[in-house]
PDB file of N, CA and C in Angstrom:
ATOM      1  N   MET A   1      35.494  -0.006 -38.052  1.00  0.00           N
ATOM      2  CA  MET A   1      36.426  -0.549 -36.238  1.00  0.00           C
ATOM      3  C   MET A   1      35.537  -2.217 -36.541  1.00  0.00           C
ATOM      4  N   MET A   2      37.256  -2.471 -35.916  1.00  0.00           N
ATOM      5  CA  MET A   2      36.899  -4.280 -35.592  1.00  0.00           C
ATOM      6  C   MET A   2      37.572  -4.400 -33.927  1.00  0.00           C
ATOM      7  N   PRO A   3      36.064  -5.829 -33.445  1.00  0.00           N
ATOM      8  CA  PRO A   3      36.326  -6.355 -31.927  1.00  0.00           C
ATOM      9  C   PRO A   3      37.968  -6.943 -32.124  1.00  0.00           C
ATOM     10  N   LEU A   4      38.661  -5.927 -30.876  1.00  0.00           N
ATOM     11  CA  LEU A   4      39.983  -5.992 -30.390  1.00  0.00           C
ATOM     12  C   LEU A   4      40.504  -8.275 -30.599  1.00  0.00           C
ATOM     13  N   ILE A   5      39.428  -8.998 -30.952  1.00  0.00           N
ATOM     14  CA  ILE A   5      40.310 -10.160 -30.958  1.00  0.00           C
ATOM     15  C   ILE A   5      41.066 -10.350 -32.503  1.00  0.00           C
ATOM     16  N   MET A   6      40.430  -9.781 -33.490  1.00  0.00           N
ATOM     17  CA  MET A   6      41.255  -9.277 -34.663  1.00  0.00           C
ATOM     18  C   MET A   6      42.789  -9.323 -34.814  1.00  0.00           C
ATOM     19  N   ALA A   7      42.487  -8.211 -33.549  1.00  0.00           N
ATOM     20  CA  ALA A   7      43.647  -7.796 -33.611  1.00  0.00           C
ATOM     21  C   ALA A   7      44.785  -8.351 -33.792  1.00  0.00           C
ATOM     22  N   SER A   8      45.917  -7.913 -34.933  1.00  0.00           N
ATOM     23  CA  SER A   8      47.307  -9.591 -33.842  1.00  0.00           C
ATOM     24  C   SER A   8      47.908  -8.988 -33.083  1.00  0.00           C
ATOM     25  N   PRO A   9      48.115 -10.115 -32.488  1.00  0.00           N
ATOM     26  CA  PRO A   9      49.752 -10.318 -31.841  1.00  0.00           C
ATOM     27  C   PRO A   9      51.249  -9.447 -32.179  1.00  0.00           C
ATOM     28  N   GLY A  10      51.240  -8.230 -31.057  1.00  0.00           N
ATOM     29  CA  GLY A  10      51.992  -7.361 -32.058  1.00  0.00           C
ATOM     30  C   GLY A  10      51.218  -5.915 -31.854  1.00  0.00           C
ATOM     31  N   GLU A  11      50.509  -6.381 -32.220  1.00  0.00           N
ATOM     32  CA  GLU A  11      49.575  -4.920 -33.415  1.00  0.00           C
ATOM     33  C   GLU A  11      49.488  -3.552 -31.978  1.00  0.00           C
ATOM     34  N   GLU A  12      49.532  -2.007 -32.336  1.00  0.00           N
ATOM     35  CA  GLU A  12      48.888  -1.260 -31.377  1.00  0.00           C
ATOM     36  C   GLU A  12      48.122  -0.947 -31.932  1.00  0.00           C
ATOM     37  N   VAL A  13      46.360  -1.430 -31.154  1.00  0.00           N
ATOM     38  CA  VAL A  13      45.051  -0.972 -31.732  1.00  0.00           C
ATOM     39  C   VAL A  13      44.572   0.698 -29.760  1.00  0.00           C
ATOM     40  N   GLU A  14      44.100   0.869 -30.966  1.00  0.00           N
ATOM     41  CA  GLU A  14      43.619   2.016 -30.058  1.00  0.00           C
ATOM     42  C   GLU A  14      42.058   1.902 -29.528  1.00  0.00           C
ATOM     43  N   ILE A  15      41.553   1.853 -28.723  1.00  0.00           N
ATOM     44  CA  ILE A  15      39.560   1.009 -28.198  1.00  0.00           C
ATOM     45  C   ILE A  15      39.464   2.866 -28.819  1.00  0.00           C
ATOM     46  N   ARG A  16      38.078   2.256 -29.267  1.00  0.00           N
ATOM     47  CA  ARG A  16      36.740   3.380 -30.179  1.00  0.00           C
ATOM     48  C   ARG A  16      35.991   2.820 -29.137  1.00  0.00           C
ATOM     49  N   LYS A  17      34.679   2.045 -28.826  1.00  0.00           N
ATOM     50  CA  LYS A  17      33.843   1.896 -28.528  1.00  0.00           C
ATOM     51  C   LYS A  17      34.016   0.574 -26.625  1.00  0.00           C
ATOM     52  N   VAL A  18      32.978   0.704 -26.466  1.00  0.00           N
ATOM     53  CA  VAL A  18      32.951  -0.970 -25.292  1.00  0.00           C
ATOM     54  C   VAL A  18      32.157  -0.765 -25.919  1.00  0.00           C
ATOM     55  N   GLY A  19      31.509  -2.338 -25.378  1.00  0.00           N
ATOM     56  CA  GLY A  19      29.762  -2.658 -25.223  1.00  0.00           C
ATOM     57  C   GLY A  19      29.630  -3.464 -24.546  1.00  0.00           C
ATOM     58  N   GLY A  20      28.590  -3.600 -24.640  1.00  0.00           N
ATOM     59  CA  GLY A  20      28.485  -4.721 -23.707  1.00  0.00           C
ATOM     60  C   GLY A  20      26.931  -4.366 -22.607  1.00  0.00           C
ATOM     61  N   SER A  21      26.680  -5.304 -21.657  1.00  0.00           N
ATOM     62  CA  SER A  21      25.176  -4.437 -20.873  1.00  0.00           C
ATOM     63  C   SER A  21      26.523  -3.792 -19.700  1.00  0.00           C
ATOM     64  N   GLU A  22      25.744  -3.096 -18.956  1.00  0.00           N
ATOM     65  CA  GLU A  22      26.072  -2.043 -17.740  1.00  0.00           C
ATOM     66  C   GLU A  22      27.054  -1.980 -16.525  1.00  0.00           C
ATOM     67  N   GLU A  23      27.021  -3.699 -16.111  1.00  0.00           N
ATOM     68  CA  GLU A  23      28.015  -4.572 -15.082  1.00  0.00           C
ATOM     69  C   GLU A  23      28.941  -4.385 -16.674  1.00  0.00           C
ATOM     70  N   THR A  24      28.755  -4.860 -17.442  1.00  0.00           N
ATOM     71  CA  THR A  24      30.365  -4.713 -18.725  1.00  0.00           C
ATOM     72  C   THR A  24      30.800  -4.096 -18.806  1.00  0.00           C
ATOM     73  N   ARG A  25      30.229  -3.249 -19.258  1.00  0.00           N
ATOM     74  CA  ARG A  25      30.963  -2.048 -19.223  1.00  0.00           C
ATOM     75  C   ARG A  25      32.019  -1.516 -17.769  1.00  0.00           C
ATOM     76  N   HIS A  26      31.333  -1.181 -17.651  1.00  0.00           N
ATOM     77  CA  HIS A  26      32.051  -1.005 -15.934  1.00  0.00           C
ATOM     78  C   HIS A  26      33.038  -1.793 -15.746  1.00  0.00           C
ATOM     79  N   PHE A  27      33.421  -3.199 -15.217  1.00  0.00           N
ATOM     80  CA  PHE A  27      34.130  -3.541 -14.957  1.00  0.00           C
ATOM     81  C   PHE A  27      35.621  -4.294 -16.244  1.00  0.00           C
ATOM     82  N   LEU A  28      34.869  -3.223 -17.208  1.00  0.00           N
ATOM     83  CA  LEU A  28      36.226  -3.381 -18.187  1.00  0.00           C
ATOM     84  C   LEU A  28      36.681  -1.853 -17.897  1.00  0.00           C
ATOM     85  N   ASN A  29      36.056  -0.935 -18.209  1.00  0.00           N
ATOM     86  CA  ASN A  29      36.062   0.644 -17.819  1.00  0.00           C
ATOM     87  C   ASN A  29      37.579   0.361 -16.932  1.00  0.00           C
ATOM     88  N   ASN A  30      36.737  -0.215 -14.956  1.00  0.00           N
ATOM     89  CA  ASN A  30      37.486  -0.385 -14.085  1.00  0.00           C
ATOM     90  C   ASN A  30      39.252  -1.255 -14.126  1.00  0.00           C
ATOM     91  N   MET A  31      39.234  -1.824 -15.447  1.00  0.00           N
ATOM     92  CA  MET A  31      40.411  -2.296 -16.199  1.00  0.00           C
ATOM     93  C   MET A  31      41.476  -1.740 -17.051  1.00  0.00           C
ATOM     94  N   GLY A  32      41.203  -0.408 -17.595  1.00  0.00           N
ATOM     95  CA  GLY A  32      42.033   0.592 -17.991  1.00  0.00           C
ATOM     96  C   GLY A  32      41.327   0.933 -19.180  1.00  0.00           C
ATOM     97  N   PHE A  33      40.305  -0.187 -19.838  1.00  0.00           N
ATOM     98  CA  PHE A  33      39.663  -0.936 -21.446  1.00  0.00           C
ATOM     99  C   PHE A  33      38.812   0.431 -21.717  1.00  0.00           C
ATOM    100  N   THR A  34      39.250   1.804 -21.420  1.00  0.00           N
ATOM    101  CA  THR A  34      38.378   3.180 -21.929  1.00  0.00           C
ATOM    102  C   THR A  34      38.535   4.094 -23.902  1.00  0.00           C
ATOM    103  N   GLU A  35      37.837   4.675 -24.281  1.00  0.00           N
ATOM    104  CA  GLU A  35      37.871   5.242 -25.347  1.00  0.00           C
ATOM    105  C   GLU A  35      38.445   5.867 -25.511  1.00  0.00           C
ATOM    106  N   GLY A  36      39.320   5.541 -26.616  1.00  0.00           N
ATOM    107  CA  GLY A  36      40.343   6.627 -26.621  1.00  0.00           C
ATOM    108  C   GLY A  36      42.066   5.879 -26.440  1.00  0.00           C
ATOM    109  N   ALA A  37      41.934   5.025 -24.820  1.00  0.00           N
ATOM    110  CA  ALA A  37      43.130   3.930 -24.610  1.00  0.00           C
ATOM    111  C   ALA A  37      44.072   3.022 -25.526  1.00  0.00           C
ATOM    112  N   LYS A  38      45.056   3.206 -25.473  1.00  0.00           N
ATOM    113  CA  LYS A  38      45.724   2.590 -26.395  1.00  0.00           C
ATOM    114  C   LYS A  38      46.357   1.541 -25.882  1.00  0.00           C
ATOM    115  N   CYS A  39      46.341  -0.327 -26.676  1.00  0.00           N
ATOM    116  CA  CYS A  39      46.352  -1.056 -26.299  1.00  0.00           C
ATOM    117  C   CYS A  39      47.285  -2.228 -26.963  1.00  0.00           C
ATOM    118  N   SER A  40      47.597  -3.268 -26.811  1.00  0.00           N
ATOM    119  CA  SER A  40      48.177  -3.842 -28.168  1.00  0.00           C
ATOM    120  C   SER A  40      48.313  -4.841 -27.396  1.00  0.00           C
ATOM    121  N   VAL A  41      47.851  -6.554 -28.686  1.00  0.00           N
ATOM    122  CA  VAL A  41      48.045  -7.819 -28.343  1.00  0.00           C
ATOM    123  C   VAL A  41      48.576  -8.304 -27.750  1.00  0.00           C
ATOM    124  N   ILE A  42      49.714  -9.435 -26.710  1.00  0.00           N
ATOM    125  CA  ILE A  42      50.206  -9.169 -26.274  1.00  0.00           C
ATOM    126  C   ILE A  42      50.506 -11.494 -27.470  1.00  0.00           C
ATOM    127  N   SER A  43      49.634 -12.062 -27.135  1.00  0.00           N
ATOM    128  CA  SER A  43      49.368 -13.314 -27.737  1.00  0.00           C
ATOM    129  C   SER A  43      48.110 -13.279 -27.381  1.00  0.00           C
ATOM    130  N   SER A  44      47.013 -14.688 -28.401  1.00  0.00           N
ATOM    131  CA  SER A  44      46.517 -15.237 -28.618  1.00  0.00           C
ATOM    132  C   SER A  44      46.790 -16.803 -28.687  1.00  0.00           C
ATOM    133  N   ILE A  45      46.051 -16.546 -27.325  1.00  0.00           N
ATOM    134  CA  ILE A  45      45.523 -18.311 -27.381  1.00  0.00           C
ATOM    135  C   ILE A  45      43.868 -19.056 -26.990  1.00  0.00           C
ATOM    136  N   ASN A  46      44.202 -20.333 -28.558  1.00  0.00           N
ATOM    137  CA  ASN A  46      42.721 -20.938 -28.500  1.00  0.00           C
ATOM    138  C   ASN A  46      40.643 -19.471 -28.145  1.00  0.00           C
ATOM    139  N   GLY A  47      41.340 -18.749 -29.027  1.00  0.00           N
ATOM    140  CA  GLY A  47      40.222 -17.690 -28.337  1.00  0.00           C
ATOM    141  C   GLY A  47      40.402 -16.156 -26.781  1.00  0.00           C
ATOM    142  N   ASN A  48      41.510 -17.362 -26.668  1.00  0.00           N
ATOM    143  CA  ASN A  48      41.533 -15.754 -25.501  1.00  0.00           C
ATOM    144  C   ASN A  48      42.446 -15.242 -25.454  1.00  0.00           C
ATOM    145  N   ILE A  49      43.028 -14.413 -24.905  1.00  0.00           N
ATOM    146  CA  ILE A  49      43.964 -12.624 -25.772  1.00  0.00           C
ATOM    147  C   ILE A  49      44.570 -12.652 -23.938  1.00  0.00           C
ATOM    148  N   ILE A  50      45.911 -12.255 -24.157  1.00  0.00           N
ATOM    149  CA  ILE A  50      46.513 -10.913 -22.953  1.00  0.00           C
ATOM    150  C   ILE A  50      46.894  -9.979 -23.654  1.00  0.00           C
ATOM    151  N   ILE A  51      46.037  -8.931 -23.427  1.00  0.00           N
ATOM    152  CA  ILE A  51      46.369  -7.543 -23.061  1.00  0.00           C
ATOM    153  C   ILE A  51      47.414  -6.822 -23.019  1.00  0.00           C
ATOM    154  N   ASN A  52      48.691  -5.985 -23.199  1.00  0.00           N
ATOM    155  CA  ASN A  52      49.716  -4.937 -22.765  1.00  0.00           C
ATOM    156  C   ASN A  52      48.371  -3.877 -22.920  1.00  0.00           C
ATOM    157  N   ILE A  53      47.742  -2.897 -21.488  1.00  0.00           N
ATOM    158  CA  ILE A  53      47.368  -1.910 -21.354  1.00  0.00           C
ATOM    159  C   ILE A  53      47.461  -0.623 -20.165  1.00  0.00           C
ATOM    160  N   ARG A  54      47.527   0.595 -20.748  1.00  0.00           N
ATOM    161  CA  ARG A  54      47.637   1.674 -18.989  1.00  0.00           C
ATOM    162  C   ARG A  54      49.363   0.536 -18.169  1.00  0.00           C
ATOM    163  N   ASP A  55      50.288   0.118 -19.129  1.00  0.00           N
ATOM    164  CA  ASP A  55      51.569  -0.516 -18.298  1.00  0.00           C
ATOM    165  C   ASP A  55      50.982  -1.141 -17.655  1.00  0.00           C
ATOM    166  N   SER A  56      49.885  -2.428 -18.239  1.00  0.00           N
ATOM    167  CA  SER A  56      49.615  -3.288 -17.343  1.00  0.00           C
ATOM    168  C   SER A  56      49.160  -4.446 -18.469  1.00  0.00           C
ATOM    169  N   ARG A  57      48.433  -5.772 -18.151  1.00  0.00           N
ATOM    170  CA  ARG A  57      48.698  -7.069 -18.543  1.00  0.00           C
ATOM    171  C   ARG A  57      47.145  -7.969 -18.187  1.00  0.00           C
ATOM    172  N   VAL A  58      46.155  -8.316 -19.365  1.00  0.00           N
ATOM    173  CA  VAL A  58      45.070  -8.326 -18.268  1.00  0.00           C
ATOM    174  C   VAL A  58      45.074  -9.301 -19.275  1.00  0.00           C
ATOM    175  N   ALA A  59      44.063 -10.824 -19.011  1.00  0.00           N
ATOM    176  CA  ALA A  59      44.117 -11.718 -20.260  1.00  0.00           C
ATOM    177  C   ALA A  59      42.253 -11.459 -20.234  1.00  0.00           C
ATOM    178  N   LEU A  60      42.095 -11.730 -21.594  1.00  0.00           N
ATOM    179  CA  LEU A  60      39.902 -11.724 -21.681  1.00  0.00           C
ATOM    180  C   LEU A  60      40.335 -13.092 -21.707  1.00  0.00           C
ATOM    181  N   ASP A  61      39.182 -13.282 -22.306  1.00  0.00           N
ATOM    182  CA  ASP A  61      38.071 -14.710 -22.607  1.00  0.00           C
ATOM    183  C   ASP A  61      37.249 -14.180 -24.244  1.00  0.00           C
ATOM    184  N   SER A  62      37.059 -14.407 -26.003  1.00  0.00           N
ATOM    185  CA  SER A  62      36.916 -13.984 -26.723  1.00  0.00           C
ATOM    186  C   SER A  62      35.606 -13.917 -25.823  1.00  0.00           C
ATOM    187  N   ASN A  63      34.925 -14.101 -25.278  1.00  0.00           N
ATOM    188  CA  ASN A  63      33.224 -13.655 -25.374  1.00  0.00           C
ATOM    189  C   ASN A  63      32.667 -12.258 -25.105  1.00  0.00           C
ATOM    190  N   ILE A  64      34.310 -11.861 -23.866  1.00  0.00           N
ATOM    191  CA  ILE A  64      34.638 -10.202 -23.724  1.00  0.00           C
ATOM    192  C   ILE A  64      35.468  -9.228 -24.299  1.00  0.00           C
ATOM    193  N   ALA A  65      36.598  -9.723 -25.621  1.00  0.00           N
ATOM    194  CA  ALA A  65      37.354  -8.946 -26.338  1.00  0.00           C
ATOM    195  C   ALA A  65      36.267  -8.637 -27.465  1.00  0.00           C
ATOM    196  N   LYS A  66      35.251  -9.869 -27.581  1.00  0.00           N
ATOM    197  CA  LYS A  66      34.314  -9.690 -28.850  1.00  0.00           C
ATOM    198  C   LYS A  66      33.515  -7.496 -28.772  1.00  0.00           C
ATOM    199  N   LYS A  67      33.549  -7.397 -27.446  1.00  0.00           N
ATOM    200  CA  LYS A  67      32.629  -6.117 -27.335  1.00  0.00           C
ATOM    201  C   LYS A  67      33.782  -4.875 -26.973  1.00  0.00           C
ATOM    202  N   ILE A  68      34.820  -4.983 -27.361  1.00  0.00           N
ATOM    203  CA  ILE A  68      35.859  -3.972 -27.178  1.00  0.00           C
ATOM    204  C   ILE A  68      35.831  -4.106 -28.450  1.00  0.00           C
ATOM    205  N   MET A  69      35.627  -2.653 -29.499  1.00  0.00           N
ATOM    206  CA  MET A  69      35.891  -2.355 -30.348  1.00  0.00           C
ATOM    207  C   MET A  69      36.747  -1.267 -31.127  1.00  0.00           C
ATOM    208  N   VAL A  70      37.429  -2.042 -31.807  1.00  0.00           N
ATOM    209  CA  VAL A  70      38.965  -1.191 -31.789  1.00  0.00           C
ATOM    210  C   VAL A  70      38.940  -1.045 -33.094  1.00  0.00           C
TER     211      VAL A  70
END
């Protein structure tokens, strides 16, 4: 497993675990970041990443992306 922030652009990965506080996990869950979901990194700029998940594009900062294990 590795943090989502380390995935390469264009690489499709599967979410294995979502960490962080209860509030953070709930926030990510509402955006579709659940265990078993497939996502791919579209781009990574200055530590912030844009993710394609469940037919949506989501921008995450590096602190949040580090809590998502793939």
